[in-house]
Amino acid sequence: VYLQMNSLRPEDTAVYYCAADVKLGRDSKFESDYWGQGTQVTVSS
């Protein structure tokens, strides 16, 4: 799975996690039970 990120902004700085079996939780937010370790994305100004 890929995530192409264009026009990046400093506020996009975060650890990005891949998730499997994403579904809408009972609190109306997307949830997942399977996660990767994450990859750091840092956007400088």
PDB file of all heavy atoms in Angstrom:
ATOM      1  N   VAL A   1       0.857  -1.178   0.000  1.00  0.00           N
ATOM      2  CA  VAL A   1       0.000   0.000   0.000  1.00  0.00           C
ATOM      3  C   VAL A   1       0.892   1.227   0.000  1.00  0.00           C
ATOM      4  O   VAL A   1       1.951   1.243   0.635  1.00  0.00           O
ATOM      5  CB  VAL A   1      -0.940   0.004   1.219  1.00  0.00           C
ATOM      6  CG1 VAL A   1      -1.828   1.245   1.213  1.00  0.00           C
ATOM      7  CG2 VAL A   1      -1.800  -1.249   1.227  1.00  0.00           C
ATOM      8  N   TYR A   2       0.464   2.269  -0.695  1.00  0.00           N
ATOM      9  CA  TYR A   2       1.262   3.473  -0.841  1.00  0.00           C
ATOM     10  C   TYR A   2       0.490   4.698  -0.363  1.00  0.00           C
ATOM     11  O   TYR A   2      -0.739   4.718  -0.358  1.00  0.00           O
ATOM     12  CB  TYR A   2       1.654   3.701  -2.300  1.00  0.00           C
ATOM     13  CG  TYR A   2       2.353   2.532  -2.939  1.00  0.00           C
ATOM     14  CD1 TYR A   2       1.643   1.588  -3.677  1.00  0.00           C
ATOM     15  CD2 TYR A   2       3.728   2.364  -2.808  1.00  0.00           C
ATOM     16  CE1 TYR A   2       2.281   0.508  -4.266  1.00  0.00           C
ATOM     17  CE2 TYR A   2       4.375   1.292  -3.393  1.00  0.00           C
ATOM     18  CZ  TYR A   2       3.653   0.362  -4.119  1.00  0.00           C
ATOM     19  OH  TYR A   2       4.293  -0.704  -4.697  1.00  0.00           O
ATOM     20  N   LEU A   3       1.244   5.710   0.015  1.00  0.00           N
ATOM     21  CA  LEU A   3       0.676   7.017   0.296  1.00  0.00           C
ATOM     22  C   LEU A   3       1.551   8.060  -0.383  1.00  0.00           C
ATOM     23  O   LEU A   3       2.676   8.310   0.049  1.00  0.00           O
ATOM     24  CB  LEU A   3       0.589   7.296   1.797  1.00  0.00           C
ATOM     25  CG  LEU A   3      -0.095   8.607   2.174  1.00  0.00           C
ATOM     26  CD1 LEU A   3      -1.590   8.551   1.834  1.00  0.00           C
ATOM     27  CD2 LEU A   3       0.100   8.922   3.654  1.00  0.00           C
ATOM     28  N   GLN A   4       1.039   8.629  -1.455  1.00  0.00           N
ATOM     29  CA  GLN A   4       1.733   9.706  -2.146  1.00  0.00           C
ATOM     30  C   GLN A   4       1.346  11.018  -1.492  1.00  0.00           C
ATOM     31  O   GLN A   4       0.166  11.359  -1.428  1.00  0.00           O
ATOM     32  CB  GLN A   4       1.359   9.720  -3.628  1.00  0.00           C
ATOM     33  CG  GLN A   4       2.002  10.845  -4.427  1.00  0.00           C
ATOM     34  CD  GLN A   4       3.493  10.692  -4.536  1.00  0.00           C
ATOM     35  OE1 GLN A   4       3.989   9.604  -4.825  1.00  0.00           O
ATOM     36  NE2 GLN A   4       4.226  11.770  -4.296  1.00  0.00           N
ATOM     37  N   MET A   5       2.327  11.748  -1.015  1.00  0.00           N
ATOM     38  CA  MET A   5       2.100  12.990  -0.294  1.00  0.00           C
ATOM     39  C   MET A   5       2.721  14.134  -1.073  1.00  0.00           C
ATOM     40  O   MET A   5       3.939  14.187  -1.261  1.00  0.00           O
ATOM     41  CB  MET A   5       2.689  12.921   1.113  1.00  0.00           C
ATOM     42  CG  MET A   5       2.182  11.737   1.927  1.00  0.00           C
ATOM     43  SD  MET A   5       2.787  11.754   3.635  1.00  0.00           S
ATOM     44  CE  MET A   5       4.547  11.502   3.335  1.00  0.00           C
ATOM     45  N   ASN A   6       1.887  15.042  -1.529  1.00  0.00           N
ATOM     46  CA  ASN A   6       2.330  16.210  -2.278  1.00  0.00           C
ATOM     47  C   ASN A   6       2.003  17.479  -1.503  1.00  0.00           C
ATOM     48  O   ASN A   6       1.182  17.478  -0.594  1.00  0.00           O
ATOM     49  CB  ASN A   6       1.651  16.258  -3.649  1.00  0.00           C
ATOM     50  CG  ASN A   6       1.978  15.073  -4.517  1.00  0.00           C
ATOM     51  OD1 ASN A   6       3.083  14.537  -4.470  1.00  0.00           O
ATOM     52  ND2 ASN A   6       1.023  14.653  -5.347  1.00  0.00           N
ATOM     53  N   SER A   7       2.640  18.566  -1.899  1.00  0.00           N
ATOM     54  CA  SER A   7       2.413  19.870  -1.267  1.00  0.00           C
ATOM     55  C   SER A   7       2.499  19.781   0.244  1.00  0.00           C
ATOM     56  O   SER A   7       1.639  20.281   0.968  1.00  0.00           O
ATOM     57  CB  SER A   7       1.054  20.429  -1.702  1.00  0.00           C
ATOM     58  OG  SER A   7       0.973  20.566  -3.101  1.00  0.00           O
ATOM     59  N   LEU A   8       3.539  19.153   0.714  1.00  0.00           N
ATOM     60  CA  LEU A   8       3.683  18.916   2.146  1.00  0.00           C
ATOM     61  C   LEU A   8       3.853  20.217   2.919  1.00  0.00           C
ATOM     62  O   LEU A   8       4.465  21.163   2.433  1.00  0.00           O
ATOM     63  CB  LEU A   8       4.855  17.987   2.411  1.00  0.00           C
ATOM     64  CG  LEU A   8       4.569  16.510   2.108  1.00  0.00           C
ATOM     65  CD1 LEU A   8       5.863  15.729   1.991  1.00  0.00           C
ATOM     66  CD2 LEU A   8       3.681  15.918   3.189  1.00  0.00           C
ATOM     67  N   ARG A   9       3.305  20.222   4.111  1.00  0.00           N
ATOM     68  CA  ARG A   9       3.338  21.368   5.005  1.00  0.00           C
ATOM     69  C   ARG A   9       4.008  20.978   6.312  1.00  0.00           C
ATOM     70  O   ARG A   9       4.001  19.811   6.681  1.00  0.00           O
ATOM     71  CB  ARG A   9       1.917  21.855   5.290  1.00  0.00           C
ATOM     72  CG  ARG A   9       1.086  22.154   4.055  1.00  0.00           C
ATOM     73  CD  ARG A   9      -0.378  22.273   4.413  1.00  0.00           C
ATOM     74  NE  ARG A   9      -1.214  22.549   3.250  1.00  0.00           N
ATOM     75  CZ  ARG A   9      -2.530  22.503   3.256  1.00  0.00           C
ATOM     76  NH1 ARG A   9      -3.190  22.205   4.371  1.00  0.00           N
ATOM     77  NH2 ARG A   9      -3.207  22.770   2.137  1.00  0.00           N
ATOM     78  N   PRO A  10       4.569  21.941   7.037  1.00  0.00           N
ATOM     79  CA  PRO A  10       5.174  21.604   8.330  1.00  0.00           C
ATOM     80  C   PRO A  10       4.216  20.884   9.268  1.00  0.00           C
ATOM     81  O   PRO A  10       4.651  20.022  10.044  1.00  0.00           O
ATOM     82  CB  PRO A  10       5.588  22.970   8.883  1.00  0.00           C
ATOM     83  CG  PRO A  10       5.854  23.782   7.664  1.00  0.00           C
ATOM     84  CD  PRO A  10       4.819  23.338   6.660  1.00  0.00           C
ATOM     85  N   GLU A  11       2.945  21.198   9.219  1.00  0.00           N
ATOM     86  CA  GLU A  11       1.978  20.546  10.080  1.00  0.00           C
ATOM     87  C   GLU A  11       1.727  19.088   9.707  1.00  0.00           C
ATOM     88  O   GLU A  11       1.043  18.370  10.439  1.00  0.00           O
ATOM     89  CB  GLU A  11       0.648  21.314  10.106  1.00  0.00           C
ATOM     90  CG  GLU A  11       0.071  21.607   8.734  1.00  0.00           C
ATOM     91  CD  GLU A  11       0.420  22.997   8.232  1.00  0.00           C
ATOM     92  OE1 GLU A  11       1.574  23.430   8.433  1.00  0.00           O
ATOM     93  OE2 GLU A  11      -0.462  23.656   7.640  1.00  0.00           O
ATOM     94  N   ASP A  12       2.263  18.636   8.579  1.00  0.00           N
ATOM     95  CA  ASP A  12       2.198  17.225   8.223  1.00  0.00           C
ATOM     96  C   ASP A  12       3.258  16.401   8.947  1.00  0.00           C
ATOM     97  O   ASP A  12       3.254  15.173   8.838  1.00  0.00           O
ATOM     98  CB  ASP A  12       2.370  17.035   6.715  1.00  0.00           C
ATOM     99  CG  ASP A  12       1.220  17.623   5.917  1.00  0.00           C
ATOM    100  OD1 ASP A  12       0.058  17.478   6.341  1.00  0.00           O
ATOM    101  OD2 ASP A  12       1.493  18.221   4.853  1.00  0.00           O
ATOM    102  N   THR A  13       4.159  17.057   9.642  1.00  0.00           N
ATOM    103  CA  THR A  13       5.211  16.357  10.366  1.00  0.00           C
ATOM    104  C   THR A  13       4.608  15.422  11.400  1.00  0.00           C
ATOM    105  O   THR A  13       3.827  15.841  12.252  1.00  0.00           O
ATOM    106  CB  THR A  13       6.151  17.359  11.044  1.00  0.00           C
ATOM    107  OG1 THR A  13       6.825  18.128  10.044  1.00  0.00           O
ATOM    108  CG2 THR A  13       7.186  16.644  11.897  1.00  0.00           C
ATOM    109  N   ALA A  14       4.964  14.153  11.322  1.00  0.00           N
ATOM    110  CA  ALA A  14       4.408  13.144  12.209  1.00  0.00           C
ATOM    111  C   ALA A  14       5.061  11.805  11.908  1.00  0.00           C
ATOM    112  O   ALA A  14       5.763  11.650  10.914  1.00  0.00           O
ATOM    113  CB  ALA A  14       2.889  13.030  12.027  1.00  0.00           C
ATOM    114  N   VAL A  15       4.803  10.846  12.776  1.00  0.00           N
ATOM    115  CA  VAL A  15       5.092   9.457  12.469  1.00  0.00           C
ATOM    116  C   VAL A  15       3.875   8.896  11.755  1.00  0.00           C
ATOM    117  O   VAL A  15       2.753   8.994  12.256  1.00  0.00           O
ATOM    118  CB  VAL A  15       5.400   8.632  13.729  1.00  0.00           C
ATOM    119  CG1 VAL A  15       5.623   7.169  13.374  1.00  0.00           C
ATOM    120  CG2 VAL A  15       6.634   9.193  14.431  1.00  0.00           C
ATOM    121  N   TYR A  16       4.098   8.317  10.603  1.00  0.00           N
ATOM    122  CA  TYR A  16       3.017   7.777   9.795  1.00  0.00           C
ATOM    123  C   TYR A  16       2.974   6.261   9.940  1.00  0.00           C
ATOM    124  O   TYR A  16       3.987   5.581   9.782  1.00  0.00           O
ATOM    125  CB  TYR A  16       3.199   8.166   8.326  1.00  0.00           C
ATOM    126  CG  TYR A  16       2.813   9.596   8.054  1.00  0.00           C
ATOM    127  CD1 TYR A  16       3.607  10.637   8.516  1.00  0.00           C
ATOM    128  CD2 TYR A  16       1.647   9.908   7.361  1.00  0.00           C
ATOM    129  CE1 TYR A  16       3.244  11.958   8.297  1.00  0.00           C
ATOM    130  CE2 TYR A  16       1.281  11.215   7.128  1.00  0.00           C
ATOM    131  CZ  TYR A  16       2.081  12.241   7.601  1.00  0.00           C
ATOM    132  OH  TYR A  16       1.723  13.547   7.372  1.00  0.00           O
ATOM    133  N   TYR A  17       1.788   5.751  10.219  1.00  0.00           N
ATOM    134  CA  TYR A  17       1.582   4.331  10.463  1.00  0.00           C
ATOM    135  C   TYR A  17       0.678   3.722   9.408  1.00  0.00           C
ATOM    136  O   TYR A  17      -0.369   4.284   9.084  1.00  0.00           O
ATOM    137  CB  TYR A  17       0.943   4.107  11.834  1.00  0.00           C
ATOM    138  CG  TYR A  17       1.780   4.552  13.002  1.00  0.00           C
ATOM    139  CD1 TYR A  17       1.664   5.835  13.514  1.00  0.00           C
ATOM    140  CD2 TYR A  17       2.684   3.678  13.595  1.00  0.00           C
ATOM    141  CE1 TYR A  17       2.430   6.242  14.593  1.00  0.00           C
ATOM    142  CE2 TYR A  17       3.446   4.077  14.673  1.00  0.00           C
ATOM    143  CZ  TYR A  17       3.316   5.355  15.166  1.00  0.00           C
ATOM    144  OH  TYR A  17       4.076   5.758  16.239  1.00  0.00           O
ATOM    145  N   CYS A  18       1.070   2.588   8.917  1.00  0.00           N
ATOM    146  CA  CYS A  18       0.222   1.784   8.057  1.00  0.00           C
ATOM    147  C   CYS A  18      -0.687   0.925   8.928  1.00  0.00           C
ATOM    148  O   CYS A  18      -0.281   0.466   9.998  1.00  0.00           O
ATOM    149  CB  CYS A  18       1.089   0.901   7.160  1.00  0.00           C
ATOM    150  SG  CYS A  18       0.180  -0.130   5.989  1.00  0.00           S
ATOM    151  N   ALA A  19      -1.902   0.710   8.480  1.00  0.00           N
ATOM    152  CA  ALA A  19      -2.867  -0.055   9.248  1.00  0.00           C
ATOM    153  C   ALA A  19      -3.642  -1.001   8.346  1.00  0.00           C
ATOM    154  O   ALA A  19      -3.951  -0.662   7.198  1.00  0.00           O
ATOM    155  CB  ALA A  19      -3.841   0.880   9.970  1.00  0.00           C
ATOM    156  N   ALA A  20      -3.948  -2.167   8.871  1.00  0.00           N
ATOM    157  CA  ALA A  20      -4.746  -3.159   8.157  1.00  0.00           C
ATOM    158  C   ALA A  20      -6.070  -3.380   8.868  1.00  0.00           C
ATOM    159  O   ALA A  20      -6.155  -3.277  10.089  1.00  0.00           O
ATOM    160  CB  ALA A  20      -3.986  -4.477   8.043  1.00  0.00           C
ATOM    161  N   ASP A  21      -7.076  -3.702   8.086  1.00  0.00           N
ATOM    162  CA  ASP A  21      -8.416  -3.943   8.597  1.00  0.00           C
ATOM    163  C   ASP A  21      -8.973  -2.683   9.253  1.00  0.00           C
ATOM    164  O   ASP A  21      -9.458  -2.713  10.385  1.00  0.00           O
ATOM    165  CB  ASP A  21      -8.437  -5.120   9.565  1.00  0.00           C
ATOM    166  CG  ASP A  21      -9.836  -5.670   9.770  1.00  0.00           C
ATOM    167  OD1 ASP A  21     -10.720  -5.396   8.937  1.00  0.00           O
ATOM    168  OD2 ASP A  21     -10.044  -6.377  10.773  1.00  0.00           O
ATOM    169  N   VAL A  22      -8.905  -1.584   8.536  1.00  0.00           N
ATOM    170  CA  VAL A  22      -9.432  -0.320   9.015  1.00  0.00           C
ATOM    171  C   VAL A  22     -10.957  -0.352   8.929  1.00  0.00           C
ATOM    172  O   VAL A  22     -11.524  -0.755   7.920  1.00  0.00           O
ATOM    173  CB  VAL A  22      -8.884   0.852   8.203  1.00  0.00           C
ATOM    174  CG1 VAL A  22      -9.497   2.167   8.669  1.00  0.00           C
ATOM    175  CG2 VAL A  22      -7.369   0.897   8.306  1.00  0.00           C
ATOM    176  N   LYS A  23     -11.588   0.093   9.985  1.00  0.00           N
ATOM    177  CA  LYS A  23     -13.045   0.112  10.022  1.00  0.00           C
ATOM    178  C   LYS A  23     -13.525   1.252  10.891  1.00  0.00           C
ATOM    179  O   LYS A  23     -12.781   1.821  11.692  1.00  0.00           O
ATOM    180  CB  LYS A  23     -13.580  -1.218  10.537  1.00  0.00           C
ATOM    181  CG  LYS A  23     -13.090  -1.596  11.916  1.00  0.00           C
ATOM    182  CD  LYS A  23     -13.538  -3.013  12.287  1.00  0.00           C
ATOM    183  CE  LYS A  23     -12.892  -4.042  11.378  1.00  0.00           C
ATOM    184  NZ  LYS A  23     -13.244  -5.430  11.770  1.00  0.00           N
ATOM    185  N   LEU A  24     -14.776   1.587  10.720  1.00  0.00           N
ATOM    186  CA  LEU A  24     -15.369   2.658  11.503  1.00  0.00           C
ATOM    187  C   LEU A  24     -15.755   2.121  12.864  1.00  0.00           C
ATOM    188  O   LEU A  24     -16.550   1.194  12.965  1.00  0.00           O
ATOM    189  CB  LEU A  24     -16.579   3.238  10.782  1.00  0.00           C
ATOM    190  CG  LEU A  24     -17.140   4.550  11.317  1.00  0.00           C
ATOM    191  CD1 LEU A  24     -16.118   5.668  11.152  1.00  0.00           C
ATOM    192  CD2 LEU A  24     -18.432   4.902  10.606  1.00  0.00           C
ATOM    193  N   GLY A  25     -15.182   2.700  13.909  1.00  0.00           N
ATOM    194  CA  GLY A  25     -15.464   2.264  15.256  1.00  0.00           C
ATOM    195  C   GLY A  25     -16.786   2.779  15.773  1.00  0.00           C
ATOM    196  O   GLY A  25     -17.466   3.593  15.134  1.00  0.00           O
ATOM    197  N   ARG A  26     -17.140   2.307  16.935  1.00  0.00           N
ATOM    198  CA  ARG A  26     -18.416   2.693  17.530  1.00  0.00           C
ATOM    199  C   ARG A  26     -18.449   4.152  17.940  1.00  0.00           C
ATOM    200  O   ARG A  26     -19.525   4.719  18.129  1.00  0.00           O
ATOM    201  CB  ARG A  26     -18.719   1.801  18.735  1.00  0.00           C
ATOM    202  CG  ARG A  26     -18.830   0.330  18.374  1.00  0.00           C
ATOM    203  CD  ARG A  26     -19.093  -0.528  19.582  1.00  0.00           C
ATOM    204  NE  ARG A  26     -20.431  -0.299  20.114  1.00  0.00           N
ATOM    205  CZ  ARG A  26     -20.940  -0.933  21.164  1.00  0.00           C
ATOM    206  NH1 ARG A  26     -20.211  -1.844  21.794  1.00  0.00           N
ATOM    207  NH2 ARG A  26     -22.163  -0.663  21.576  1.00  0.00           N
ATOM    208  N   ASP A  27     -17.274   4.775  18.076  1.00  0.00           N
ATOM    209  CA  ASP A  27     -17.184   6.196  18.392  1.00  0.00           C
ATOM    210  C   ASP A  27     -17.166   7.057  17.135  1.00  0.00           C
ATOM    211  O   ASP A  27     -16.861   8.250  17.210  1.00  0.00           O
ATOM    212  CB  ASP A  27     -15.947   6.482  19.243  1.00  0.00           C
ATOM    213  CG  ASP A  27     -14.657   6.097  18.542  1.00  0.00           C
ATOM    214  OD1 ASP A  27     -14.717   5.496  17.451  1.00  0.00           O
ATOM    215  OD2 ASP A  27     -13.579   6.394  19.089  1.00  0.00           O
ATOM    216  N   SER A  28     -17.461   6.460  15.994  1.00  0.00           N
ATOM    217  CA  SER A  28     -17.529   7.133  14.700  1.00  0.00           C
ATOM    218  C   SER A  28     -16.168   7.570  14.174  1.00  0.00           C
ATOM    219  O   SER A  28     -16.088   8.406  13.274  1.00  0.00           O
ATOM    220  CB  SER A  28     -18.476   8.333  14.755  1.00  0.00           C
ATOM    221  OG  SER A  28     -19.794   7.929  15.079  1.00  0.00           O
ATOM    222  N   LYS A  29     -15.092   7.008  14.700  1.00  0.00           N
ATOM    223  CA  LYS A  29     -13.748   7.251  14.210  1.00  0.00           C
ATOM    224  C   LYS A  29     -13.183   5.972  13.597  1.00  0.00           C
ATOM    225  O   LYS A  29     -13.498   4.875  14.025  1.00  0.00           O
ATOM    226  CB  LYS A  29     -12.836   7.722  15.332  1.00  0.00           C
ATOM    227  CG  LYS A  29     -13.208   9.067  15.926  1.00  0.00           C
ATOM    228  CD  LYS A  29     -12.212   9.472  16.999  1.00  0.00           C
ATOM    229  CE  LYS A  29     -12.540  10.836  17.567  1.00  0.00           C
ATOM    230  NZ  LYS A  29     -11.573  11.239  18.621  1.00  0.00           N
ATOM    231  N   PHE A  30     -12.339   6.152  12.597  1.00  0.00           N
ATOM    232  CA  PHE A  30     -11.699   4.994  11.991  1.00  0.00           C
ATOM    233  C   PHE A  30     -10.722   4.358  12.970  1.00  0.00           C
ATOM    234  O   PHE A  30      -9.971   5.061  13.659  1.00  0.00           O
ATOM    235  CB  PHE A  30     -10.981   5.383  10.706  1.00  0.00           C
ATOM    236  CG  PHE A  30     -11.914   5.660   9.558  1.00  0.00           C
ATOM    237  CD1 PHE A  30     -12.029   6.936   9.020  1.00  0.00           C
ATOM    238  CD2 PHE A  30     -12.685   4.644   9.015  1.00  0.00           C
ATOM    239  CE1 PHE A  30     -12.888   7.188   7.965  1.00  0.00           C
ATOM    240  CE2 PHE A  30     -13.553   4.885   7.959  1.00  0.00           C
ATOM    241  CZ  PHE A  30     -13.655   6.157   7.437  1.00  0.00           C
ATOM    242  N   GLU A  31     -10.746   3.023  13.020  1.00  0.00           N
ATOM    243  CA  GLU A  31      -9.900   2.266  13.926  1.00  0.00           C
ATOM    244  C   GLU A  31      -9.238   1.120  13.179  1.00  0.00           C
ATOM    245  O   GLU A  31      -9.638   0.764  12.074  1.00  0.00           O
ATOM    246  CB  GLU A  31     -10.720   1.710  15.094  1.00  0.00           C
ATOM    247  CG  GLU A  31     -11.471   2.755  15.894  1.00  0.00           C
ATOM    248  CD  GLU A  31     -10.574   3.538  16.827  1.00  0.00           C
ATOM    249  OE1 GLU A  31      -9.392   3.159  16.977  1.00  0.00           O
ATOM    250  OE2 GLU A  31     -11.059   4.522  17.418  1.00  0.00           O
ATOM    251  N   SER A  32      -8.221   0.542  13.798  1.00  0.00           N
ATOM    252  CA  SER A  32      -7.539  -0.596  13.217  1.00  0.00           C
ATOM    253  C   SER A  32      -6.931  -1.451  14.317  1.00  0.00           C
ATOM    254  O   SER A  32      -6.545  -0.940  15.373  1.00  0.00           O
ATOM    255  CB  SER A  32      -6.445  -0.141  12.248  1.00  0.00           C
ATOM    256  OG  SER A  32      -5.786  -1.260  11.681  1.00  0.00           O
ATOM    257  N   ASP A  33      -6.817  -2.745  14.056  1.00  0.00           N
ATOM    258  CA  ASP A  33      -6.207  -3.668  15.004  1.00  0.00           C
ATOM    259  C   ASP A  33      -4.789  -4.070  14.624  1.00  0.00           C
ATOM    260  O   ASP A  33      -4.088  -4.687  15.424  1.00  0.00           O
ATOM    261  CB  ASP A  33      -7.052  -4.936  15.139  1.00  0.00           C
ATOM    262  CG  ASP A  33      -8.380  -4.690  15.823  1.00  0.00           C
ATOM    263  OD1 ASP A  33      -8.455  -3.784  16.674  1.00  0.00           O
ATOM    264  OD2 ASP A  33      -9.344  -5.414  15.509  1.00  0.00           O
ATOM    265  N   TYR A  34      -4.361  -3.741  13.419  1.00  0.00           N
ATOM    266  CA  TYR A  34      -3.044  -4.144  12.934  1.00  0.00           C
ATOM    267  C   TYR A  34      -2.273  -2.920  12.486  1.00  0.00           C
ATOM    268  O   TYR A  34      -2.738  -2.147  11.641  1.00  0.00           O
ATOM    269  CB  TYR A  34      -3.168  -5.147  11.784  1.00  0.00           C
ATOM    270  CG  TYR A  34      -3.965  -6.373  12.150  1.00  0.00           C
ATOM    271  CD1 TYR A  34      -5.291  -6.491  11.780  1.00  0.00           C
ATOM    272  CD2 TYR A  34      -3.383  -7.408  12.875  1.00  0.00           C
ATOM    273  CE1 TYR A  34      -6.032  -7.613  12.122  1.00  0.00           C
ATOM    274  CE2 TYR A  34      -4.113  -8.529  13.219  1.00  0.00           C
ATOM    275  CZ  TYR A  34      -5.440  -8.621  12.841  1.00  0.00           C
ATOM    276  OH  TYR A  34      -6.170  -9.732  13.179  1.00  0.00           O
ATOM    277  N   TRP A  35      -1.067  -2.768  13.034  1.00  0.00           N
ATOM    278  CA  TRP A  35      -0.264  -1.567  12.812  1.00  0.00           C
ATOM    279  C   TRP A  35       1.174  -1.900  12.450  1.00  0.00           C
ATOM    280  O   TRP A  35       1.727  -2.894  12.920  1.00  0.00           O
ATOM    281  CB  TRP A  35      -0.233  -0.689  14.066  1.00  0.00           C
ATOM    282  CG  TRP A  35      -1.575  -0.262  14.540  1.00  0.00           C
ATOM    283  CD1 TRP A  35      -2.359  -0.898  15.454  1.00  0.00           C
ATOM    284  CD2 TRP A  35      -2.296   0.905  14.130  1.00  0.00           C
ATOM    285  NE1 TRP A  35      -3.527  -0.196  15.642  1.00  0.00           N
ATOM    286  CE2 TRP A  35      -3.511   0.911  14.841  1.00  0.00           C
ATOM    287  CE3 TRP A  35      -2.028   1.935  13.242  1.00  0.00           C
ATOM    288  CZ2 TRP A  35      -4.458   1.914  14.685  1.00  0.00           C
ATOM    289  CZ3 TRP A  35      -2.969   2.933  13.076  1.00  0.00           C
ATOM    290  CH2 TRP A  35      -4.164   2.917  13.801  1.00  0.00           C
ATOM    291  N   GLY A  36       1.768  -1.050  11.628  1.00  0.00           N
ATOM    292  CA  GLY A  36       3.198  -1.121  11.409  1.00  0.00           C
ATOM    293  C   GLY A  36       3.949  -0.365  12.487  1.00  0.00           C
ATOM    294  O   GLY A  36       3.356   0.189  13.422  1.00  0.00           O
ATOM    295  N   GLN A  37       5.270  -0.325  12.366  1.00  0.00           N
ATOM    296  CA  GLN A  37       6.108   0.352  13.348  1.00  0.00           C
ATOM    297  C   GLN A  37       6.140   1.859  13.159  1.00  0.00           C
ATOM    298  O   GLN A  37       6.497   2.590  14.084  1.00  0.00           O
ATOM    299  CB  GLN A  37       7.534  -0.200  13.301  1.00  0.00           C
ATOM    300  CG  GLN A  37       7.647  -1.649  13.737  1.00  0.00           C
ATOM    301  CD  GLN A  37       7.326  -1.818  15.203  1.00  0.00           C
ATOM    302  OE1 GLN A  37       7.795  -1.062  16.055  1.00  0.00           O
ATOM    303  NE2 GLN A  37       6.510  -2.823  15.515  1.00  0.00           N
ATOM    304  N   GLY A  38       5.784   2.328  11.992  1.00  0.00           N
ATOM    305  CA  GLY A  38       5.757   3.746  11.718  1.00  0.00           C
ATOM    306  C   GLY A  38       7.010   4.229  11.003  1.00  0.00           C
ATOM    307  O   GLY A  38       8.075   3.646  11.131  1.00  0.00           O
ATOM    308  N   THR A  39       6.866   5.301  10.258  1.00  0.00           N
ATOM    309  CA  THR A  39       7.983   5.947   9.589  1.00  0.00           C
ATOM    310  C   THR A  39       7.865   7.454   9.772  1.00  0.00           C
ATOM    311  O   THR A  39       6.784   8.021   9.640  1.00  0.00           O
ATOM    312  CB  THR A  39       8.030   5.564   8.094  1.00  0.00           C
ATOM    313  OG1 THR A  39       9.207   6.115   7.488  1.00  0.00           O
ATOM    314  CG2 THR A  39       6.801   6.049   7.346  1.00  0.00           C
ATOM    315  N   GLN A  40       8.976   8.091  10.108  1.00  0.00           N
ATOM    316  CA  GLN A  40       8.972   9.507  10.434  1.00  0.00           C
ATOM    317  C   GLN A  40       8.957  10.356   9.173  1.00  0.00           C
ATOM    318  O   GLN A  40       9.765  10.149   8.259  1.00  0.00           O
ATOM    319  CB  GLN A  40      10.198   9.868  11.273  1.00  0.00           C
ATOM    320  CG  GLN A  40      10.322  11.354  11.601  1.00  0.00           C
ATOM    321  CD  GLN A  40       9.281  11.826  12.580  1.00  0.00           C
ATOM    322  OE1 GLN A  40       9.054  11.178  13.605  1.00  0.00           O
ATOM    323  NE2 GLN A  40       8.635  12.944  12.269  1.00  0.00           N
ATOM    324  N   VAL A  41       8.052  11.314   9.145  1.00  0.00           N
ATOM    325  CA  VAL A  41       8.008  12.321   8.092  1.00  0.00           C
ATOM    326  C   VAL A  41       8.191  13.682   8.743  1.00  0.00           C
ATOM    327  O   VAL A  41       7.431  14.049   9.639  1.00  0.00           O
ATOM    328  CB  VAL A  41       6.680  12.284   7.319  1.00  0.00           C
ATOM    329  CG1 VAL A  41       6.578  13.468   6.357  1.00  0.00           C
ATOM    330  CG2 VAL A  41       6.551  10.977   6.561  1.00  0.00           C
ATOM    331  N   THR A  42       9.202  14.411   8.309  1.00  0.00           N
ATOM    332  CA  THR A  42       9.474  15.737   8.837  1.00  0.00           C
ATOM    333  C   THR A  42       9.482  16.734   7.691  1.00  0.00           C
ATOM    334  O   THR A  42      10.230  16.562   6.723  1.00  0.00           O
ATOM    335  CB  THR A  42      10.821  15.778   9.573  1.00  0.00           C
ATOM    336  OG1 THR A  42      10.823  14.809  10.629  1.00  0.00           O
ATOM    337  CG2 THR A  42      11.062  17.159  10.153  1.00  0.00           C
ATOM    338  N   VAL A  43       8.662  17.758   7.810  1.00  0.00           N
ATOM    339  CA  VAL A  43       8.544  18.783   6.779  1.00  0.00           C
ATOM    340  C   VAL A  43       9.084  20.087   7.350  1.00  0.00           C
ATOM    341  O   VAL A  43       8.554  20.607   8.334  1.00  0.00           O
ATOM    342  CB  VAL A  43       7.097  18.962   6.312  1.00  0.00           C
ATOM    343  CG1 VAL A  43       7.036  19.971   5.172  1.00  0.00           C
ATOM    344  CG2 VAL A  43       6.516  17.625   5.881  1.00  0.00           C
ATOM    345  N   SER A  44      10.112  20.607   6.746  1.00  0.00           N
ATOM    346  CA  SER A  44      10.730  21.839   7.209  1.00  0.00           C
ATOM    347  C   SER A  44      10.150  23.026   6.459  1.00  0.00           C
ATOM    348  O   SER A  44       9.700  22.914   5.313  1.00  0.00           O
ATOM    349  CB  SER A  44      12.244  21.789   7.020  1.00  0.00           C
ATOM    350  OG  SER A  44      12.585  21.724   5.645  1.00  0.00           O
ATOM    351  N   SER A  45      10.185  24.183   7.109  1.00  0.00           N
ATOM    352  CA  SER A  45       9.697  25.412   6.494  1.00  0.00           C
ATOM    353  C   SER A  45      10.816  26.191   5.851  1.00  0.00           C
ATOM    354  O   SER A  45      10.583  27.090   5.059  1.00  0.00           O
ATOM    355  CB  SER A  45       8.971  26.261   7.534  1.00  0.00           C
ATOM    356  OG  SER A  45       9.849  26.601   8.593  1.00  0.00           O
TER     357      SER A  45
END
